[in-house]
């Protein structure tokens, strides 16, 4: 089971997650928090391949220059989520 949490603080955000990955045979440790520059951090639950695909697609959107606003970030995340999970 993945545990991820985000906390808004007076000077930023704390984002954290456990690091245990598992499949039918093995368990291993690897970060579930992905970072792109200083502006984009993502974590998630479920299959790691889906999370990394979503992160890669969102990183591409940031490279293309999405609006640097909360609504711009939200719209980009919604588009990527629908693309990956629909």
PDB file of N, CA and C in Angstrom:
ATOM      1  N   UNK A   1       0.844  -1.168   0.000  1.00  0.00           N
ATOM      2  CA  UNK A   1       0.000   0.000   0.000  1.00  0.00           C
ATOM      3  C   UNK A   1       0.895   1.240   0.000  1.00  0.00           C
ATOM      4  N   UNK A   2       0.580   2.181  -0.872  1.00  0.00           N
ATOM      5  CA  UNK A   2       1.336   3.429  -0.941  1.00  0.00           C
ATOM      6  C   UNK A   2       0.767   4.444   0.027  1.00  0.00           C
ATOM      7  N   UNK A   3       1.668   5.137   0.685  1.00  0.00           N
ATOM      8  CA  UNK A   3       1.291   6.251   1.544  1.00  0.00           C
ATOM      9  C   UNK A   3       1.950   7.493   0.955  1.00  0.00           C
ATOM     10  N   UNK A   4       1.156   8.493   0.627  1.00  0.00           N
ATOM     11  CA  UNK A   4       1.664   9.760   0.116  1.00  0.00           C
ATOM     12  C   UNK A   4       0.907  10.880   0.815  1.00  0.00           C
ATOM     13  N   UNK A   5       1.607  11.961   1.090  1.00  0.00           N
ATOM     14  CA  UNK A   5       0.969  13.088   1.779  1.00  0.00           C
ATOM     15  C   UNK A   5       1.591  14.391   1.306  1.00  0.00           C
ATOM     16  N   UNK A   6       0.780  15.428   1.309  1.00  0.00           N
ATOM     17  CA  UNK A   6       1.251  16.766   0.996  1.00  0.00           C
ATOM     18  C   UNK A   6       0.788  17.728   2.068  1.00  0.00           C
ATOM     19  N   UNK A   7       1.674  18.627   2.454  1.00  0.00           N
ATOM     20  CA  UNK A   7       1.367  19.594   3.503  1.00  0.00           C
ATOM     21  C   UNK A   7       1.735  20.987   3.021  1.00  0.00           C
ATOM     22  N   UNK A   8       0.779  21.920   3.106  1.00  0.00           N
ATOM     23  CA  UNK A   8       1.070  23.317   2.794  1.00  0.00           C
ATOM     24  C   UNK A   8       1.641  23.976   4.034  1.00  0.00           C
ATOM     25  N   UNK A   9       2.779  24.640   3.871  1.00  0.00           N
ATOM     26  CA  UNK A   9       3.441  25.345   4.969  1.00  0.00           C
ATOM     27  C   UNK A   9       3.527  26.826   4.606  1.00  0.00           C
ATOM     28  N   UNK A  10       3.925  27.635   5.545  1.00  0.00           N
ATOM     29  CA  UNK A  10       3.987  29.077   5.299  1.00  0.00           C
ATOM     30  C   UNK A  10       5.006  29.438   4.220  1.00  0.00           C
ATOM     31  N   UNK A  11       6.042  28.627   4.038  1.00  0.00           N
ATOM     32  CA  UNK A  11       7.076  28.953   3.059  1.00  0.00           C
ATOM     33  C   UNK A  11       7.215  27.902   1.956  1.00  0.00           C
ATOM     34  N   UNK A  12       6.199  27.069   1.759  1.00  0.00           N
ATOM     35  CA  UNK A  12       6.260  26.076   0.692  1.00  0.00           C
ATOM     36  C   UNK A  12       5.358  24.888   0.954  1.00  0.00           C
ATOM     37  N   UNK A  13       5.693  23.796   0.316  1.00  0.00           N
ATOM     38  CA  UNK A  13       4.912  22.565   0.414  1.00  0.00           C
ATOM     39  C   UNK A  13       5.846  21.417   0.759  1.00  0.00           C
ATOM     40  N   UNK A  14       5.397  20.524   1.617  1.00  0.00           N
ATOM     41  CA  UNK A  14       6.113  19.280   1.892  1.00  0.00           C
ATOM     42  C   UNK A  14       5.332  18.164   1.216  1.00  0.00           C
ATOM     43  N   UNK A  15       6.010  17.394   0.373  1.00  0.00           N
ATOM     44  CA  UNK A  15       5.408  16.266  -0.321  1.00  0.00           C
ATOM     45  C   UNK A  15       6.240  15.033  -0.003  1.00  0.00           C
ATOM     46  N   UNK A  16       5.595  13.972   0.461  1.00  0.00           N
ATOM     47  CA  UNK A  16       6.345  12.773   0.851  1.00  0.00           C
ATOM     48  C   UNK A  16       5.566  11.518   0.479  1.00  0.00           C
ATOM     49  N   UNK A  17       6.293  10.412   0.392  1.00  0.00           N
ATOM     50  CA  UNK A  17       5.678   9.116   0.086  1.00  0.00           C
ATOM     51  C   UNK A  17       6.598   8.015   0.578  1.00  0.00           C
ATOM     52  N   UNK A  18       6.018   6.847   0.801  1.00  0.00           N
ATOM     53  CA  UNK A  18       6.852   5.698   1.149  1.00  0.00           C
ATOM     54  C   UNK A  18       7.669   5.302  -0.078  1.00  0.00           C
ATOM     55  N   UNK A  19       8.567   4.341   0.053  1.00  0.00           N
ATOM     56  CA  UNK A  19       9.440   3.982  -1.058  1.00  0.00           C
ATOM     57  C   UNK A  19       9.401   2.498  -1.408  1.00  0.00           C
ATOM     58  N   UNK A  20       8.447   1.741  -0.873  1.00  0.00           N
ATOM     59  CA  UNK A  20       8.408   0.307  -1.161  1.00  0.00           C
ATOM     60  C   UNK A  20       7.610   0.017  -2.430  1.00  0.00           C
ATOM     61  N   UNK A  21       8.265  -0.661  -3.356  1.00  0.00           N
ATOM     62  CA  UNK A  21       7.629  -1.146  -4.577  1.00  0.00           C
ATOM     63  C   UNK A  21       7.557  -2.659  -4.468  1.00  0.00           C
ATOM     64  N   UNK A  22       6.531  -3.246  -5.046  1.00  0.00           N
ATOM     65  CA  UNK A  22       6.434  -4.706  -5.006  1.00  0.00           C
ATOM     66  C   UNK A  22       5.708  -5.219  -6.236  1.00  0.00           C
ATOM     67  N   UNK A  23       5.980  -6.478  -6.549  1.00  0.00           N
ATOM     68  CA  UNK A  23       5.228  -7.188  -7.571  1.00  0.00           C
ATOM     69  C   UNK A  23       4.931  -8.581  -7.037  1.00  0.00           C
ATOM     70  N   UNK A  24       4.589  -9.511  -7.901  1.00  0.00           N
ATOM     71  CA  UNK A  24       4.219 -10.846  -7.430  1.00  0.00           C
ATOM     72  C   UNK A  24       5.377 -11.582  -6.773  1.00  0.00           C
ATOM     73  N   UNK A  25       6.612 -11.202  -7.104  1.00  0.00           N
ATOM     74  CA  UNK A  25       7.781 -11.964  -6.670  1.00  0.00           C
ATOM     75  C   UNK A  25       8.640 -11.235  -5.645  1.00  0.00           C
ATOM     76  N   UNK A  26       8.823  -9.951  -5.793  1.00  0.00           N
ATOM     77  CA  UNK A  26       9.832  -9.251  -5.001  1.00  0.00           C
ATOM     78  C   UNK A  26       9.341  -7.907  -4.482  1.00  0.00           C
ATOM     79  N   UNK A  27      10.084  -7.391  -3.522  1.00  0.00           N
ATOM     80  CA  UNK A  27       9.879  -6.037  -3.010  1.00  0.00           C
ATOM     81  C   UNK A  27      11.214  -5.313  -3.100  1.00  0.00           C
ATOM     82  N   UNK A  28      11.169  -4.024  -3.377  1.00  0.00           N
ATOM     83  CA  UNK A  28      12.396  -3.237  -3.428  1.00  0.00           C
ATOM     84  C   UNK A  28      12.083  -1.795  -3.063  1.00  0.00           C
ATOM     85  N   UNK A  29      13.129  -1.029  -2.785  1.00  0.00           N
ATOM     86  CA  UNK A  29      12.993   0.365  -2.366  1.00  0.00           C
ATOM     87  C   UNK A  29      13.402   1.293  -3.512  1.00  0.00           C
ATOM     88  N   UNK A  30      12.564   2.280  -3.796  1.00  0.00           N
ATOM     89  CA  UNK A  30      12.866   3.309  -4.787  1.00  0.00           C
ATOM     90  C   UNK A  30      11.918   4.469  -4.528  1.00  0.00           C
ATOM     91  N   UNK A  31      12.391   5.661  -4.759  1.00  0.00           N
ATOM     92  CA  UNK A  31      11.569   6.844  -4.503  1.00  0.00           C
ATOM     93  C   UNK A  31      10.283   6.825  -5.328  1.00  0.00           C
ATOM     94  N   UNK A  32       9.210   7.299  -4.725  1.00  0.00           N
ATOM     95  CA  UNK A  32       7.937   7.491  -5.426  1.00  0.00           C
ATOM     96  C   UNK A  32       7.626   8.976  -5.585  1.00  0.00           C
ATOM     97  N   UNK A  33       8.615   9.803  -5.306  1.00  0.00           N
ATOM     98  CA  UNK A  33       8.482  11.245  -5.491  1.00  0.00           C
ATOM     99  C   UNK A  33       9.368  11.615  -6.676  1.00  0.00           C
ATOM    100  N   UNK A  34       8.777  12.232  -7.690  1.00  0.00           N
ATOM    101  CA  UNK A  34       9.486  12.576  -8.910  1.00  0.00           C
ATOM    102  C   UNK A  34       9.576  14.095  -9.018  1.00  0.00           C
ATOM    103  N   UNK A  35      10.749  14.596  -9.404  1.00  0.00           N
ATOM    104  CA  UNK A  35      10.980  16.046  -9.442  1.00  0.00           C
ATOM    105  C   UNK A  35      11.479  16.462 -10.820  1.00  0.00           C
ATOM    106  N   UNK A  36      10.916  17.564 -11.314  1.00  0.00           N
ATOM    107  CA  UNK A  36      11.341  18.179 -12.565  1.00  0.00           C
ATOM    108  C   UNK A  36      11.673  19.634 -12.257  1.00  0.00           C
ATOM    109  N   UNK A  37      12.938  19.968 -12.198  1.00  0.00           N
ATOM    110  CA  UNK A  37      13.346  21.333 -11.878  1.00  0.00           C
ATOM    111  C   UNK A  37      12.884  21.738 -10.492  1.00  0.00           C
ATOM    112  N   UNK A  38      12.629  23.021 -10.335  1.00  0.00           N
ATOM    113  CA  UNK A  38      12.200  23.552  -9.041  1.00  0.00           C
ATOM    114  C   UNK A  38      10.689  23.714  -8.937  1.00  0.00           C
ATOM    115  N   UNK A  39       9.967  23.505 -10.041  1.00  0.00           N
ATOM    116  CA  UNK A  39       8.548  23.845 -10.067  1.00  0.00           C
ATOM    117  C   UNK A  39       7.586  22.669 -10.082  1.00  0.00           C
ATOM    118  N   UNK A  40       8.063  21.467 -10.355  1.00  0.00           N
ATOM    119  CA  UNK A  40       7.155  20.334 -10.522  1.00  0.00           C
ATOM    120  C   UNK A  40       7.623  19.153  -9.688  1.00  0.00           C
ATOM    121  N   UNK A  41       6.769  18.705  -8.790  1.00  0.00           N
ATOM    122  CA  UNK A  41       7.014  17.503  -7.994  1.00  0.00           C
ATOM    123  C   UNK A  41       5.723  16.697  -8.019  1.00  0.00           C
ATOM    124  N   UNK A  42       5.848  15.385  -8.213  1.00  0.00           N
ATOM    125  CA  UNK A  42       4.678  14.528  -8.349  1.00  0.00           C
ATOM    126  C   UNK A  42       4.897  13.233  -7.589  1.00  0.00           C
ATOM    127  N   UNK A  43       3.866  12.736  -6.971  1.00  0.00           N
ATOM    128  CA  UNK A  43       3.874  11.399  -6.391  1.00  0.00           C
ATOM    129  C   UNK A  43       2.520  10.773  -6.677  1.00  0.00           C
ATOM    130  N   UNK A  44       2.415   9.484  -6.471  1.00  0.00           N
ATOM    131  CA  UNK A  44       1.149   8.833  -6.739  1.00  0.00           C
ATOM    132  C   UNK A  44       1.114   7.429  -6.184  1.00  0.00           C
ATOM    133  N   UNK A  45      -0.032   6.817  -6.309  1.00  0.00           N
ATOM    134  CA  UNK A  45      -0.224   5.442  -5.848  1.00  0.00           C
ATOM    135  C   UNK A  45      -0.595   4.577  -7.040  1.00  0.00           C
ATOM    136  N   UNK A  46      -0.318   3.302  -6.930  1.00  0.00           N
ATOM    137  CA  UNK A  46      -0.637   2.374  -8.003  1.00  0.00           C
ATOM    138  C   UNK A  46       0.615   1.917  -8.708  1.00  0.00           C
ATOM    139  N   UNK A  47       0.436   1.435  -9.938  1.00  0.00           N
ATOM    140  CA  UNK A  47       1.574   0.916 -10.682  1.00  0.00           C
ATOM    141  C   UNK A  47       2.565   2.021 -10.996  1.00  0.00           C
ATOM    142  N   UNK A  48       3.831   1.760 -10.696  1.00  0.00           N
ATOM    143  CA  UNK A  48       4.881   2.748 -10.914  1.00  0.00           C
ATOM    144  C   UNK A  48       4.950   3.166 -12.376  1.00  0.00           C
ATOM    145  N   UNK A  49       4.717   2.243 -13.293  1.00  0.00           N
ATOM    146  CA  UNK A  49       4.803   2.590 -14.715  1.00  0.00           C
ATOM    147  C   UNK A  49       3.784   3.662 -15.090  1.00  0.00           C
ATOM    148  N   UNK A  50       2.600   3.632 -14.503  1.00  0.00           N
ATOM    149  CA  UNK A  50       1.602   4.670 -14.771  1.00  0.00           C
ATOM    150  C   UNK A  50       2.031   6.011 -14.175  1.00  0.00           C
ATOM    151  N   UNK A  51       2.581   5.973 -12.977  1.00  0.00           N
ATOM    152  CA  UNK A  51       3.015   7.209 -12.326  1.00  0.00           C
ATOM    153  C   UNK A  51       4.147   7.850 -13.120  1.00  0.00           C
ATOM    154  N   UNK A  52       5.135   7.051 -13.537  1.00  0.00           N
ATOM    155  CA  UNK A  52       6.256   7.619 -14.285  1.00  0.00           C
ATOM    156  C   UNK A  52       5.811   8.110 -15.662  1.00  0.00           C
ATOM    157  N   UNK A  53       4.869   7.410 -16.297  1.00  0.00           N
ATOM    158  CA  UNK A  53       4.339   7.883 -17.577  1.00  0.00           C
ATOM    159  C   UNK A  53       3.640   9.226 -17.399  1.00  0.00           C
ATOM    160  N   UNK A  54       2.825   9.349 -16.366  1.00  0.00           N
ATOM    161  CA  UNK A  54       2.148  10.621 -16.089  1.00  0.00           C
ATOM    162  C   UNK A  54       3.173  11.720 -15.825  1.00  0.00           C
ATOM    163  N   UNK A  55       4.211  11.417 -15.048  1.00  0.00           N
ATOM    164  CA  UNK A  55       5.239  12.411 -14.757  1.00  0.00           C
ATOM    165  C   UNK A  55       5.961  12.832 -16.035  1.00  0.00           C
ATOM    166  N   UNK A  56       6.319  11.875 -16.892  1.00  0.00           N
ATOM    167  CA  UNK A  56       7.008  12.205 -18.142  1.00  0.00           C
ATOM    168  C   UNK A  56       6.146  13.098 -19.027  1.00  0.00           C
ATOM    169  N   UNK A  57       4.857  12.781 -19.137  1.00  0.00           N
ATOM    170  CA  UNK A  57       3.957  13.594 -19.959  1.00  0.00           C
ATOM    171  C   UNK A  57       3.771  14.996 -19.368  1.00  0.00           C
ATOM    172  N   UNK A  58       3.680  15.077 -18.051  1.00  0.00           N
ATOM    173  CA  UNK A  58       3.536  16.378 -17.409  1.00  0.00           C
ATOM    174  C   UNK A  58       4.818  17.197 -17.557  1.00  0.00           C
ATOM    175  N   UNK A  59       5.966  16.545 -17.459  1.00  0.00           N
ATOM    176  CA  UNK A  59       7.246  17.229 -17.672  1.00  0.00           C
ATOM    177  C   UNK A  59       7.316  17.797 -19.085  1.00  0.00           C
ATOM    178  N   UNK A  60       6.855  17.026 -20.074  1.00  0.00           N
ATOM    179  CA  UNK A  60       6.825  17.518 -21.453  1.00  0.00           C
ATOM    180  C   UNK A  60       5.960  18.766 -21.569  1.00  0.00           C
ATOM    181  N   UNK A  61       4.812  18.773 -20.900  1.00  0.00           N
ATOM    182  CA  UNK A  61       3.939  19.956 -20.930  1.00  0.00           C
ATOM    183  C   UNK A  61       4.654  21.165 -20.317  1.00  0.00           C
ATOM    184  N   UNK A  62       5.400  20.950 -19.232  1.00  0.00           N
ATOM    185  CA  UNK A  62       6.135  22.053 -18.614  1.00  0.00           C
ATOM    186  C   UNK A  62       7.223  22.567 -19.548  1.00  0.00           C
ATOM    187  N   UNK A  63       7.884  21.672 -20.270  1.00  0.00           N
ATOM    188  CA  UNK A  63       8.910  22.098 -21.232  1.00  0.00           C
ATOM    189  C   UNK A  63       8.293  22.957 -22.336  1.00  0.00           C
ATOM    190  N   UNK A  64       7.051  22.656 -22.707  1.00  0.00           N
ATOM    191  CA  UNK A  64       6.361  23.414 -23.751  1.00  0.00           C
ATOM    192  C   UNK A  64       5.899  24.777 -23.251  1.00  0.00           C
ATOM    193  N   UNK A  65       5.904  24.979 -21.933  1.00  0.00           N
ATOM    194  CA  UNK A  65       5.573  26.283 -21.378  1.00  0.00           C
ATOM    195  C   UNK A  65       4.115  26.471 -21.024  1.00  0.00           C
ATOM    196  N   UNK A  66       3.587  25.647 -20.135  1.00  0.00           N
ATOM    197  CA  UNK A  66       2.214  25.865 -19.669  1.00  0.00           C
ATOM    198  C   UNK A  66       2.171  27.141 -18.831  1.00  0.00           C
ATOM    199  N   UNK A  67       1.012  27.763 -18.696  1.00  0.00           N
ATOM    200  CA  UNK A  67       0.914  28.971 -17.869  1.00  0.00           C
ATOM    201  C   UNK A  67       1.396  28.709 -16.438  1.00  0.00           C
ATOM    202  N   UNK A  68       2.188  29.619 -15.917  1.00  0.00           N
ATOM    203  CA  UNK A  68       2.768  29.469 -14.575  1.00  0.00           C
ATOM    204  C   UNK A  68       1.779  29.957 -13.517  1.00  0.00           C
ATOM    205  N   UNK A  69       0.626  29.300 -13.479  1.00  0.00           N
ATOM    206  CA  UNK A  69      -0.421  29.646 -12.521  1.00  0.00           C
ATOM    207  C   UNK A  69      -0.990  28.354 -11.946  1.00  0.00           C
ATOM    208  N   UNK A  70      -1.637  28.421 -10.795  1.00  0.00           N
ATOM    209  CA  UNK A  70      -2.282  27.208 -10.270  1.00  0.00           C
ATOM    210  C   UNK A  70      -3.292  26.609 -11.248  1.00  0.00           C
ATOM    211  N   UNK A  71      -4.064  27.450 -11.925  1.00  0.00           N
ATOM    212  CA  UNK A  71      -5.053  26.910 -12.865  1.00  0.00           C
ATOM    213  C   UNK A  71      -4.370  26.279 -14.078  1.00  0.00           C
ATOM    214  N   UNK A  72      -3.253  26.842 -14.524  1.00  0.00           N
ATOM    215  CA  UNK A  72      -2.503  26.242 -15.629  1.00  0.00           C
ATOM    216  C   UNK A  72      -1.952  24.881 -15.248  1.00  0.00           C
ATOM    217  N   UNK A  73      -1.429  24.776 -14.035  1.00  0.00           N
ATOM    218  CA  UNK A  73      -0.914  23.493 -13.544  1.00  0.00           C
ATOM    219  C   UNK A  73      -2.043  22.479 -13.411  1.00  0.00           C
ATOM    220  N   UNK A  74      -3.186  22.920 -12.885  1.00  0.00           N
ATOM    221  CA  UNK A  74      -4.326  22.014 -12.714  1.00  0.00           C
ATOM    222  C   UNK A  74      -4.813  21.486 -14.053  1.00  0.00           C
ATOM    223  N   UNK A  75      -4.951  22.369 -15.042  1.00  0.00           N
ATOM    224  CA  UNK A  75      -5.419  21.941 -16.359  1.00  0.00           C
ATOM    225  C   UNK A  75      -4.451  20.956 -17.003  1.00  0.00           C
ATOM    226  N   UNK A  76      -3.149  21.223 -16.876  1.00  0.00           N
ATOM    227  CA  UNK A  76      -2.151  20.307 -17.431  1.00  0.00           C
ATOM    228  C   UNK A  76      -2.237  18.948 -16.753  1.00  0.00           C
ATOM    229  N   UNK A  77      -2.386  18.932 -15.436  1.00  0.00           N
ATOM    230  CA  UNK A  77      -2.492  17.675 -14.701  1.00  0.00           C
ATOM    231  C   UNK A  77      -3.763  16.918 -15.082  1.00  0.00           C
ATOM    232  N   UNK A  78      -4.865  17.632 -15.251  1.00  0.00           N
ATOM    233  CA  UNK A  78      -6.114  16.982 -15.662  1.00  0.00           C
ATOM    234  C   UNK A  78      -5.973  16.343 -17.042  1.00  0.00           C
ATOM    235  N   UNK A  79      -5.356  17.062 -17.991  1.00  0.00           N
ATOM    236  CA  UNK A  79      -5.161  16.517 -19.337  1.00  0.00           C
ATOM    237  C   UNK A  79      -4.309  15.254 -19.300  1.00  0.00           C
ATOM    238  N   UNK A  80      -3.205  15.305 -18.561  1.00  0.00           N
ATOM    239  CA  UNK A  80      -2.306  14.153 -18.475  1.00  0.00           C
ATOM    240  C   UNK A  80      -3.001  12.980 -17.795  1.00  0.00           C
ATOM    241  N   UNK A  81      -3.728  13.246 -16.726  1.00  0.00           N
ATOM    242  CA  UNK A  81      -4.416  12.174 -16.007  1.00  0.00           C
ATOM    243  C   UNK A  81      -5.420  11.473 -16.917  1.00  0.00           C
ATOM    244  N   UNK A  82      -6.193  12.242 -17.660  1.00  0.00           N
ATOM    245  CA  UNK A  82      -7.152  11.639 -18.592  1.00  0.00           C
ATOM    246  C   UNK A  82      -6.446  10.856 -19.686  1.00  0.00           C
ATOM    247  N   UNK A  83      -5.322  11.376 -20.169  1.00  0.00           N
ATOM    248  CA  UNK A  83      -4.569  10.700 -21.222  1.00  0.00           C
ATOM    249  C   UNK A  83      -3.998   9.364 -20.734  1.00  0.00           C
ATOM    250  N   UNK A  84      -3.476   9.336 -19.522  1.00  0.00           N
ATOM    251  CA  UNK A  84      -2.820   8.131 -18.999  1.00  0.00           C
ATOM    252  C   UNK A  84      -3.824   7.114 -18.486  1.00  0.00           C
ATOM    253  N   UNK A  85      -4.849   7.564 -17.781  1.00  0.00           N
ATOM    254  CA  UNK A  85      -5.730   6.640 -17.071  1.00  0.00           C
ATOM    255  C   UNK A  85      -7.070   6.368 -17.746  1.00  0.00           C
ATOM    256  N   UNK A  86      -7.418   7.121 -18.796  1.00  0.00           N
ATOM    257  CA  UNK A  86      -8.728   6.912 -19.444  1.00  0.00           C
ATOM    258  C   UNK A  86      -8.691   5.770 -20.437  1.00  0.00           C
TER     259      UNK A  86
END
